Structure formats: C-alpha cells, structure tokens
Amino acid sequence: MRTLLVTGPGGSGRTTVAAATALAAARAGHRTLVISADRADTLGAALGAPDAQPGPTALRLAPDDRFRDDLLALQERAASALDLLGAERLDGEELTPLPGAEELALLRALRDAARDDAYDTVVVDLPATPRTLATLALPEQLRRYLRRLLPPERQAARALRPMLGRLAGVPMPAAWLYETAARRADELAAVQRVIEDPATTVRLVAEPGPAGADAIRTAATGLALQGLRTDLVVANRILPDASPDTWLAGLAAQQHKTLDEWESTYDHVRRVPHLGHDPRGADDLAALGLTAPAAAPAPAAWPVTEAPADDSGHTYVWHIPLPGVTREQLGLIRRGDELVVTAGPYRRIVTLPSALRRCTVAGAGLREGELRVRFTPDPDLWPRER
C-alpha cells in the first residue's frame, strides 16, 4: 500500500493538493482512500459532487465518538478502583474530547487502512506541519513512555501478587493494567510500522515566497529527524509569468526566485498553477495537473559505517540526515542506550543500534546537511580479539 502524507504551513492549500492527488490516483486505476480530520470538511468541498467517477473514497473522521467510547470503556474496566475511591461516574453525554483526540483518531485511521488491505493508495490530509510532526512522533514517544512506566518484564507473576502486596503494604498493579498497556503498545507499533514503511512518503505544500521557503526548510529538518521521507515539494498557486499588472508581476518574480532555490535544493518540485479561484470539484482538481503517485523513493535510512582504523582502533560513524539545520541549532546528548538529538525546534530520542550501545561517543560533526556521530568501542563492553 502506498501512503502519501500531505502537509505544509497553514493556508498553503494542503487539502486541495490532497484531494487532487487522490483524484488523480483514482483515475489512474488505484483503489484510493483520502482521509481528513478537518472538522470544517474542506476536503468534501474540494472534491465536490460525490458522483464524479472514478473517484476516491473519502473518510472524514469523527474523533469525538471514539474518544467517548474509549473513556467509557476505561471507566467500566476500572470500576472497582473507582468505587474504592468513592469516585462519581461520568456519563457519556457530559464527555467532551480532550486535546489530542483528533491526532489519535488520525493515527488509528492510518493503522486500520493498512490492516484492511482494501486500498492501493491512501492520501492523508494532515494538519499544518508543526502539528503534523507532533502527531507522527506520538507512536514512538508513547511506546517509550509505556516501556518506562510499565515494563512488561517486571510484571509480577499472578500467584505472587497477593504476597508481594502484603509485603509492600500497597496493592500490586492489576493484571489488566499490564494487559491494556501491552495491547496499546501493539496498536502503537502497528501505526509506527505504517509511518516507517518505505512506501510511506510526505508531500510538502507551500506557496513559493520568503515565508514559504522558511516553512519548507524547517519542515524538511523536522521530517528528516523523524526519519520521514519527502518525495515531492508542491509549489502551490503559481501566478502567470506575463501580467500587465506591475503588482502581480512583482509577486510572480518573487515566486520564481523561490522556485529556482527549491529546484536546486530538492529532488522533486511540482509547480501547481493558480486557477484564479478556489478549486472546487473534479474539473478544477484535474486542472491543477497533479498526477498519481509513482513508486516510493528509497528509504531515508540512518546507516552506520566503519571508518578506517587508526591508532585508537575502530571507529563507527552514524549518519543522520538533517537538511537545513545549522550547527547553532544542533544538540546531542547520550543517555544510556539512547541518543537525544535536537535540530532547531525539534527533538527526538532514538535508541542506538545494538553495535553502538557498546561504544562511547567520540565526537560529532555536521557536513552537507548530515550529522555524523563517531563512536569507538568501549573496551569493557566490546568482545576482545584473540
């Protein structure tokens, strides 16, 4: 399954590009699903009448209902503990979704679409880039929290729980708590597999100009830090070259200056014309000239290479692509088996590859948009050569 995640700065036309891409994929014969969590249903307005065939299947999420069902189910499961505390039960009618409900609904939809296997192409109309990056980082972060707070290997055997509870003087965590944590961890792992799949790529949408250039540059850094692959930069709402209006001609010149920069920096840039009005319906979407997605590019792996040996012995280099970041924006901390990487406004905690866990950090450098972290084997942990 090919998954396209469409994002960009606010007001850049992400929803229109997502709708046009999904329509192009459907007309190319792909079984296509387009997902949106926008409460205003701008996706439906862009797609227009649903009778245009062939067309994509549109899924508009209802996070409120899912949040209510999940919370009521949790309340029922924890009924004995709540009764012990004298807590008053919540009714479904008084529940309103908390921040984050939309993001979780979106991640569930991604997981369900991959499991369903009913579609060849899934196009996701994501929020603005900062919120998108926070959403796509959730599965990895939440799995890490679960492992730290409820490590499964420390779950006490069923037969020992009553005795341990008496010895400790406090009730031991119930089995259902660990079971729920394990189930949630599996669900998050399924979402993370979709996000990290080589067939999942990101399309960045922006209007060319100074603000759009800054937004694309920052977004490219954040996406690379999360290991996400950008397969296309969509330069949206391109003005015509020739215009007698000097004001429009000045804007067009500014756009083309940014376009030249993008086309020299990014591998694939698609120019999408300004139609003179908001695109509505299949004909307008087709006029934008977006095509069905091609095969996914090679995964943006973070390879580990071995440097030539010197007097100090072997050196291993971990290559982390971070386009657009400067040395002043970069931070690096080793914490046990994890590396905390900060790039501009973004931060990620990554688990070291197994070989590097037995090494010490010897240094790091930023070259040509790539962070290169050097490791040397720790003599106390590395197998000794005979």
Protein backbone atom coordinates (compact mmCIF):
# COMPACT_ATOMS: atom_id res chain seq x y z
CA MET A 1 0.00 0.00 0.00
CA ARG A 2 1.28 3.47 -0.93
CA THR A 3 0.66 6.11 1.74
CA LEU A 4 1.00 9.83 0.99
CA LEU A 5 1.04 12.25 3.92
CA VAL A 6 0.22 15.79 2.76
CA THR A 7 1.26 18.69 4.99
CA GLY A 8 2.66 22.21 4.89
CA PRO A 9 2.20 25.59 6.53
CA GLY A 10 -1.28 26.82 7.38
CA GLY A 11 -3.24 28.21 4.44
CA SER A 12 -0.93 26.68 1.83
CA GLY A 13 -3.66 24.60 0.14
CA ARG A 14 -2.85 21.22 1.70
CA THR A 15 -6.43 19.95 1.47
CA THR A 16 -6.76 20.92 -2.20
CA VAL A 17 -3.49 19.16 -3.06
CA ALA A 18 -4.56 16.07 -1.11
CA ALA A 19 -7.91 15.97 -2.92
CA ALA A 20 -6.30 16.49 -6.36
CA THR A 21 -3.69 13.79 -5.69
CA ALA A 22 -6.35 11.31 -4.53
CA LEU A 23 -8.49 12.05 -7.60
CA ALA A 24 -5.51 11.55 -9.93
CA ALA A 25 -4.70 8.21 -8.25
CA ALA A 26 -8.31 7.02 -8.53
CA ARG A 27 -8.46 7.96 -12.23
CA ALA A 28 -5.22 6.05 -12.79
CA GLY A 29 -6.96 2.90 -11.57
CA HIS A 30 -5.75 2.86 -7.96
CA ARG A 31 -8.17 1.90 -5.20
CA THR A 32 -7.79 5.18 -3.33
CA LEU A 33 -8.77 6.38 0.14
CA VAL A 34 -8.38 10.00 1.22
CA ILE A 35 -8.52 10.74 4.96
CA SER A 36 -9.19 14.06 6.68
CA ALA A 37 -9.76 15.06 10.30
CA ASP A 38 -10.80 18.61 9.43
CA ARG A 39 -14.00 19.45 11.32
CA ALA A 40 -14.94 22.03 8.68
CA ASP A 41 -14.92 19.32 5.95
CA THR A 42 -12.92 21.39 3.48
CA LEU A 43 -11.96 18.10 1.83
CA GLY A 44 -15.57 17.41 0.89
CA ALA A 45 -15.90 20.93 -0.53
CA ALA A 46 -12.77 20.47 -2.64
CA LEU A 47 -13.87 17.09 -4.00
CA GLY A 48 -17.27 18.48 -4.95
CA ALA A 49 -20.13 16.20 -6.01
CA PRO A 50 -19.54 12.58 -4.99
CA ASP A 51 -20.98 11.24 -8.27
CA ALA A 52 -17.80 12.01 -10.27
CA GLN A 53 -16.42 8.62 -11.33
CA PRO A 54 -13.91 7.24 -10.94
CA GLY A 55 -13.16 8.97 -7.68
CA PRO A 56 -11.53 8.28 -4.33
CA THR A 57 -13.29 7.10 -1.20
CA ALA A 58 -13.32 9.95 1.33
CA LEU A 59 -13.11 9.24 5.06
CA ARG A 60 -13.93 12.09 7.42
CA LEU A 61 -13.03 11.15 10.98
CA ALA A 62 -15.31 11.58 13.99
CA PRO A 63 -12.83 11.71 16.90
CA ASP A 64 -15.47 12.79 19.43
CA ASP A 65 -17.34 9.48 19.24
CA ARG A 66 -14.22 7.35 19.52
CA PHE A 67 -12.90 9.37 22.47
CA ARG A 68 -16.22 8.97 24.30
CA ASP A 69 -16.32 5.21 23.70
CA ASP A 70 -12.72 4.71 24.84
CA LEU A 71 -13.14 6.71 28.04
CA LEU A 72 -16.38 4.98 28.99
CA ALA A 73 -14.75 1.59 28.37
CA LEU A 74 -11.79 2.55 30.59
CA GLN A 75 -14.16 3.75 33.30
CA GLU A 76 -16.01 0.44 33.23
CA ARG A 77 -12.77 -1.54 33.40
CA ALA A 78 -11.55 0.46 36.41
CA ALA A 79 -14.93 0.30 38.16
CA SER A 80 -13.65 -1.46 41.30
CA ALA A 81 -10.83 1.04 41.83
CA LEU A 82 -13.15 3.99 41.24
CA ASP A 83 -15.71 2.59 43.69
CA LEU A 84 -12.97 2.12 46.29
CA LEU A 85 -12.04 5.78 45.90
CA GLY A 86 -15.68 6.87 46.06
CA ALA A 87 -15.44 8.43 42.61
CA GLU A 88 -18.57 9.57 40.80
CA ARG A 89 -19.05 8.01 37.37
CA LEU A 90 -19.07 10.15 34.22
CA ASP A 91 -21.96 9.95 31.77
CA GLY A 92 -21.36 9.75 28.04
CA GLU A 93 -23.44 12.88 27.45
CA GLU A 94 -21.09 15.04 29.55
CA LEU A 95 -17.86 13.91 27.89
CA THR A 96 -16.11 16.25 25.50
CA PRO A 97 -12.88 15.29 23.70
CA LEU A 98 -9.57 16.38 25.19
CA PRO A 99 -6.72 17.85 23.13
CA GLY A 100 -5.08 15.06 21.18
CA ALA A 101 -8.28 13.14 20.34
CA GLU A 102 -8.10 14.17 16.68
CA GLU A 103 -4.47 13.11 16.39
CA LEU A 104 -5.18 9.69 17.90
CA ALA A 105 -8.17 9.22 15.58
CA LEU A 106 -5.95 10.03 12.60
CA LEU A 107 -3.31 7.52 13.67
CA ARG A 108 -5.97 4.84 14.17
CA ALA A 109 -7.31 5.51 10.69
CA LEU A 110 -3.81 5.02 9.26
CA ARG A 111 -3.45 1.72 11.09
CA ASP A 112 -6.92 0.49 10.06
CA ALA A 113 -6.34 1.38 6.39
CA ALA A 114 -3.13 -0.68 6.38
CA ARG A 115 -4.83 -3.65 8.03
CA ASP A 116 -7.86 -3.51 5.76
CA ASP A 117 -5.81 -4.02 2.60
CA ALA A 118 -8.72 -2.66 0.55
CA TYR A 119 -6.76 0.24 -0.97
CA ASP A 120 -3.72 0.65 -3.17
CA THR A 121 -3.18 4.31 -2.28
CA VAL A 122 -4.04 6.21 0.91
CA VAL A 123 -3.78 10.01 0.86
CA VAL A 124 -3.89 11.74 4.25
CA ASP A 125 -4.79 15.41 4.58
CA LEU A 126 -2.71 16.30 7.63
CA PRO A 127 -2.73 19.48 9.77
CA ALA A 128 -0.10 22.21 9.47
CA THR A 129 3.47 20.93 9.68
CA PRO A 130 4.30 21.56 13.39
CA ARG A 131 1.16 19.72 14.47
CA THR A 132 1.77 17.00 11.89
CA LEU A 133 5.27 16.33 13.22
CA ALA A 134 3.96 16.12 16.78
CA THR A 135 1.24 13.69 15.63
CA LEU A 136 3.57 11.41 13.67
CA ALA A 137 6.03 11.33 16.59
CA LEU A 138 3.32 10.16 19.02
CA PRO A 139 3.56 6.38 18.46
CA GLU A 140 7.29 6.26 19.14
CA GLN A 141 7.02 8.59 22.15
CA LEU A 142 4.06 6.81 23.74
CA ARG A 143 5.67 3.39 23.30
CA ARG A 144 8.77 4.70 25.05
CA TYR A 145 6.67 6.05 27.94
CA LEU A 146 4.84 2.72 28.30
CA ARG A 147 8.11 0.79 28.39
CA ARG A 148 9.45 3.07 31.12
CA LEU A 149 6.29 3.26 33.25
CA LEU A 150 5.08 -0.33 32.87
CA PRO A 151 8.00 -2.52 31.77
CA PRO A 152 6.43 -5.88 30.88
CA GLU A 153 9.40 -7.87 32.17
CA ARG A 154 8.73 -6.55 35.69
CA GLN A 155 5.16 -7.78 35.84
CA ALA A 156 4.84 -9.96 38.92
CA ALA A 157 3.56 -13.49 38.47
CA ARG A 158 -0.14 -13.88 39.23
CA ALA A 159 0.48 -16.26 42.11
CA LEU A 160 2.96 -13.89 43.81
CA ARG A 161 0.88 -10.70 43.59
CA PRO A 162 -1.10 -11.13 46.84
CA MET A 163 2.04 -11.99 48.82
CA LEU A 164 4.04 -9.10 47.30
CA GLY A 165 1.16 -6.75 48.03
CA ARG A 166 1.16 -7.75 51.74
CA LEU A 167 4.94 -7.40 51.95
CA ALA A 168 4.93 -4.00 50.27
CA GLY A 169 1.89 -2.78 52.16
CA VAL A 170 0.27 -1.45 48.98
CA PRO A 171 -1.86 -3.15 46.32
CA MET A 172 0.08 -4.53 43.36
CA PRO A 173 -0.88 -3.31 39.87
CA ALA A 174 -3.70 -5.41 38.49
CA ALA A 175 -3.08 -7.75 35.57
CA TRP A 176 -5.48 -5.82 33.35
CA LEU A 177 -3.25 -2.77 33.62
CA TYR A 178 -0.32 -4.63 32.07
CA GLU A 179 -2.60 -6.30 29.53
CA THR A 180 -4.01 -2.92 28.48
CA ALA A 181 -0.51 -1.44 28.23
CA ALA A 182 0.63 -4.38 26.08
CA ARG A 183 -2.39 -4.02 23.82
CA ARG A 184 -1.84 -0.28 23.42
CA ALA A 185 1.85 -0.86 22.73
CA ASP A 186 0.94 -3.30 19.96
CA GLU A 187 -1.50 -0.79 18.44
CA LEU A 188 1.12 1.96 18.54
CA ALA A 189 3.68 -0.37 16.98
CA ALA A 190 1.26 -1.05 14.11
CA VAL A 191 0.88 2.70 13.48
CA GLN A 192 4.63 3.19 13.66
CA ARG A 193 5.16 0.46 11.07
CA VAL A 194 2.90 2.34 8.66
CA ILE A 195 4.75 5.62 9.26
CA GLU A 196 8.18 3.99 8.85
CA ASP A 197 7.16 1.86 5.85
CA PRO A 198 9.28 2.61 2.75
CA ALA A 199 6.01 3.11 0.82
CA THR A 200 5.01 6.00 3.13
CA THR A 201 6.19 9.43 2.00
CA VAL A 202 5.42 13.07 2.71
CA ARG A 203 4.35 15.77 0.27
CA LEU A 204 5.18 19.29 1.41
CA VAL A 205 2.84 22.00 0.14
CA ALA A 206 3.66 25.73 0.26
CA GLU A 207 3.27 28.92 -1.73
CA PRO A 208 6.70 29.96 -3.03
CA GLY A 209 7.95 33.09 -1.31
CA PRO A 210 10.06 34.08 1.71
CA ALA A 211 7.57 32.70 4.26
CA GLY A 212 7.02 29.51 2.28
CA ALA A 213 10.77 28.99 1.90
CA ASP A 214 11.31 29.29 5.65
CA ALA A 215 8.42 26.90 6.35
CA ILE A 216 9.67 24.28 3.88
CA ARG A 217 13.22 24.49 5.21
CA THR A 218 12.09 23.98 8.82
CA ALA A 219 9.66 21.23 7.84
CA ALA A 220 12.33 19.33 5.91
CA THR A 221 14.54 19.33 9.01
CA GLY A 222 11.76 18.08 11.28
CA LEU A 223 10.67 15.36 8.86
CA ALA A 224 14.23 14.10 8.39
CA LEU A 225 14.76 13.98 12.15
CA GLN A 226 11.70 11.74 12.42
CA GLY A 227 13.03 9.52 9.63
CA LEU A 228 10.20 10.52 7.25
CA ARG A 229 10.82 10.71 3.50
CA THR A 230 9.77 13.74 1.44
CA ASP A 231 9.06 12.65 -2.14
CA LEU A 232 7.68 15.93 -3.52
CA VAL A 233 7.60 19.64 -2.77
CA VAL A 234 4.41 21.13 -4.20
CA ALA A 235 4.79 24.80 -5.12
CA ASN A 236 1.15 25.84 -4.96
CA ARG A 237 -0.74 28.76 -6.53
CA ILE A 238 1.89 29.78 -9.09
CA LEU A 239 0.97 33.08 -10.75
CA PRO A 240 1.23 33.52 -14.54
CA ASP A 241 4.52 34.93 -15.83
CA ALA A 242 3.15 37.63 -18.10
CA SER A 243 0.88 40.19 -16.45
CA PRO A 244 0.37 43.87 -17.26
CA ASP A 245 -0.29 44.45 -13.57
CA THR A 246 3.03 45.50 -12.01
CA TRP A 247 1.87 44.34 -8.54
CA LEU A 248 1.14 40.82 -9.81
CA ALA A 249 4.36 40.84 -11.86
CA GLY A 250 6.33 41.61 -8.68
CA LEU A 251 4.69 38.72 -6.82
CA ALA A 252 5.38 36.38 -9.75
CA ALA A 253 9.04 37.39 -9.78
CA GLN A 254 9.27 36.70 -6.04
CA GLN A 255 7.69 33.28 -6.57
CA HIS A 256 10.12 32.37 -9.34
CA LYS A 257 13.09 33.35 -7.21
CA THR A 258 11.95 30.89 -4.53
CA LEU A 259 11.16 28.27 -7.17
CA ASP A 260 14.71 28.44 -8.51
CA GLU A 261 16.01 27.90 -4.97
CA TRP A 262 13.70 24.92 -4.36
CA GLU A 263 14.51 23.26 -7.67
CA SER A 264 18.22 23.48 -6.93
CA THR A 265 17.78 22.13 -3.38
CA TYR A 266 15.09 19.43 -3.55
CA ASP A 267 14.99 16.46 -5.90
CA HIS A 268 11.36 16.79 -6.97
CA VAL A 269 9.35 20.03 -7.16
CA ARG A 270 5.91 20.23 -8.76
CA ARG A 271 4.52 23.59 -9.89
CA VAL A 272 0.76 23.94 -9.43
CA PRO A 273 -0.91 26.93 -11.14
CA HIS A 274 -3.22 29.45 -9.51
CA LEU A 275 -6.66 28.98 -11.08
CA GLY A 276 -7.87 32.44 -10.13
CA HIS A 277 -10.38 30.92 -7.70
CA ASP A 278 -10.58 28.23 -5.03
CA PRO A 279 -10.58 24.82 -6.76
CA ARG A 280 -13.92 23.04 -6.37
CA GLY A 281 -14.93 19.77 -7.97
CA ALA A 282 -13.24 17.21 -10.20
CA ASP A 283 -12.64 19.52 -13.17
CA ASP A 284 -10.80 22.12 -11.09
CA LEU A 285 -8.75 19.47 -9.32
CA ALA A 286 -7.74 17.90 -12.61
CA ALA A 287 -6.70 21.33 -13.92
CA LEU A 288 -4.05 21.54 -11.18
CA GLY A 289 -2.01 18.94 -13.06
CA LEU A 290 -1.16 16.66 -10.14
CA THR A 291 -0.55 13.04 -11.09
CA ALA A 292 -0.92 9.66 -9.46
CA PRO A 293 1.95 8.83 -7.08
CA ALA A 294 4.92 6.97 -8.50
CA ALA A 295 6.85 4.28 -6.71
CA ALA A 296 8.19 5.32 -3.34
CA PRO A 297 11.81 6.53 -3.20
CA ALA A 298 14.47 4.60 -1.36
CA PRO A 299 14.10 4.72 2.43
CA ALA A 300 15.96 7.51 4.19
CA ALA A 301 17.90 5.09 6.39
CA TRP A 302 20.39 6.20 9.03
CA PRO A 303 23.34 3.97 8.08
CA VAL A 304 26.25 3.05 10.31
CA THR A 305 29.61 2.84 8.55
CA GLU A 306 33.04 1.81 9.73
CA ALA A 307 35.79 4.39 9.39
CA PRO A 308 39.39 3.38 8.64
CA ALA A 309 41.19 2.14 11.74
CA ASP A 310 43.82 4.39 13.32
CA ASP A 311 45.97 4.29 16.47
CA SER A 312 42.86 4.47 18.62
CA GLY A 313 41.28 1.43 16.96
CA HIS A 314 37.99 1.07 15.06
CA THR A 315 35.64 3.99 14.65
CA TYR A 316 31.98 3.73 13.65
CA VAL A 317 30.03 6.62 12.16
CA TRP A 318 26.25 7.01 12.42
CA HIS A 319 24.91 9.14 9.55
CA ILE A 320 21.75 11.15 10.40
CA PRO A 321 20.40 13.36 7.58
CA LEU A 322 19.34 16.79 8.85
CA PRO A 323 18.86 19.12 5.85
CA GLY A 324 18.60 22.82 6.59
CA VAL A 325 19.94 22.69 10.15
CA THR A 326 22.91 24.79 11.30
CA ARG A 327 25.49 23.99 13.96
CA GLU A 328 23.93 26.54 16.30
CA GLN A 329 20.58 24.73 16.08
CA LEU A 330 22.03 21.30 16.82
CA GLY A 331 22.11 19.50 20.16
CA LEU A 332 23.33 15.99 21.02
CA ILE A 333 23.18 14.08 24.33
CA ARG A 334 23.93 10.42 25.06
CA ARG A 335 21.69 8.85 27.72
CA GLY A 336 22.42 5.18 28.26
CA ASP A 337 21.30 3.31 25.14
CA GLU A 338 19.59 6.38 23.70
CA LEU A 339 20.67 9.47 21.80
CA VAL A 340 18.80 12.75 22.27
CA VAL A 341 19.04 14.77 19.04
CA THR A 342 17.82 18.38 18.87
CA ALA A 343 17.57 20.10 15.49
CA GLY A 344 16.14 23.60 15.61
CA PRO A 345 12.69 23.47 17.25
CA TYR A 346 12.51 19.66 17.04
CA ARG A 347 13.85 16.94 19.30
CA ARG A 348 13.88 13.16 19.07
CA ILE A 349 15.08 10.43 21.41
CA VAL A 350 16.32 7.46 19.40
CA THR A 351 17.55 4.07 20.55
CA LEU A 352 21.08 3.33 19.45
CA PRO A 353 21.71 0.41 17.09
CA SER A 354 22.85 -2.67 19.03
CA ALA A 355 26.51 -2.38 17.99
CA LEU A 356 26.74 1.28 19.04
CA ARG A 357 25.35 0.58 22.52
CA ARG A 358 28.71 -0.97 23.36
CA CYS A 359 30.56 2.12 22.19
CA THR A 360 31.31 5.57 23.53
CA VAL A 361 30.67 8.80 21.62
CA ALA A 362 33.99 10.07 20.26
CA GLY A 363 32.66 13.20 18.57
CA ALA A 364 30.18 14.56 16.04
CA GLY A 365 30.17 16.88 13.06
CA LEU A 366 27.68 18.43 10.65
CA ARG A 367 28.61 18.18 6.97
CA GLU A 368 26.50 18.80 3.88
CA GLY A 369 23.21 18.53 5.75
CA GLU A 370 24.18 15.33 7.57
CA LEU A 371 25.01 14.81 11.23
CA ARG A 372 27.83 12.29 11.60
CA VAL A 373 28.26 10.88 15.09
CA ARG A 374 31.50 8.98 15.72
CA PHE A 375 31.66 6.02 18.13
CA THR A 376 34.60 3.99 19.43
CA PRO A 377 34.21 0.55 21.04
CA ASP A 378 34.12 0.53 24.84
CA PRO A 379 36.88 -1.92 25.92
CA ASP A 380 34.80 -3.02 28.93
CA LEU A 381 31.83 -4.00 26.74
CA TRP A 382 33.31 -4.93 23.36
CA PRO A 383 34.39 -8.54 22.78
CA ARG A 384 38.18 -8.77 22.94
CA GLU A 385 40.01 -10.01 19.88
CA ARG A 386 42.19 -13.07 20.39
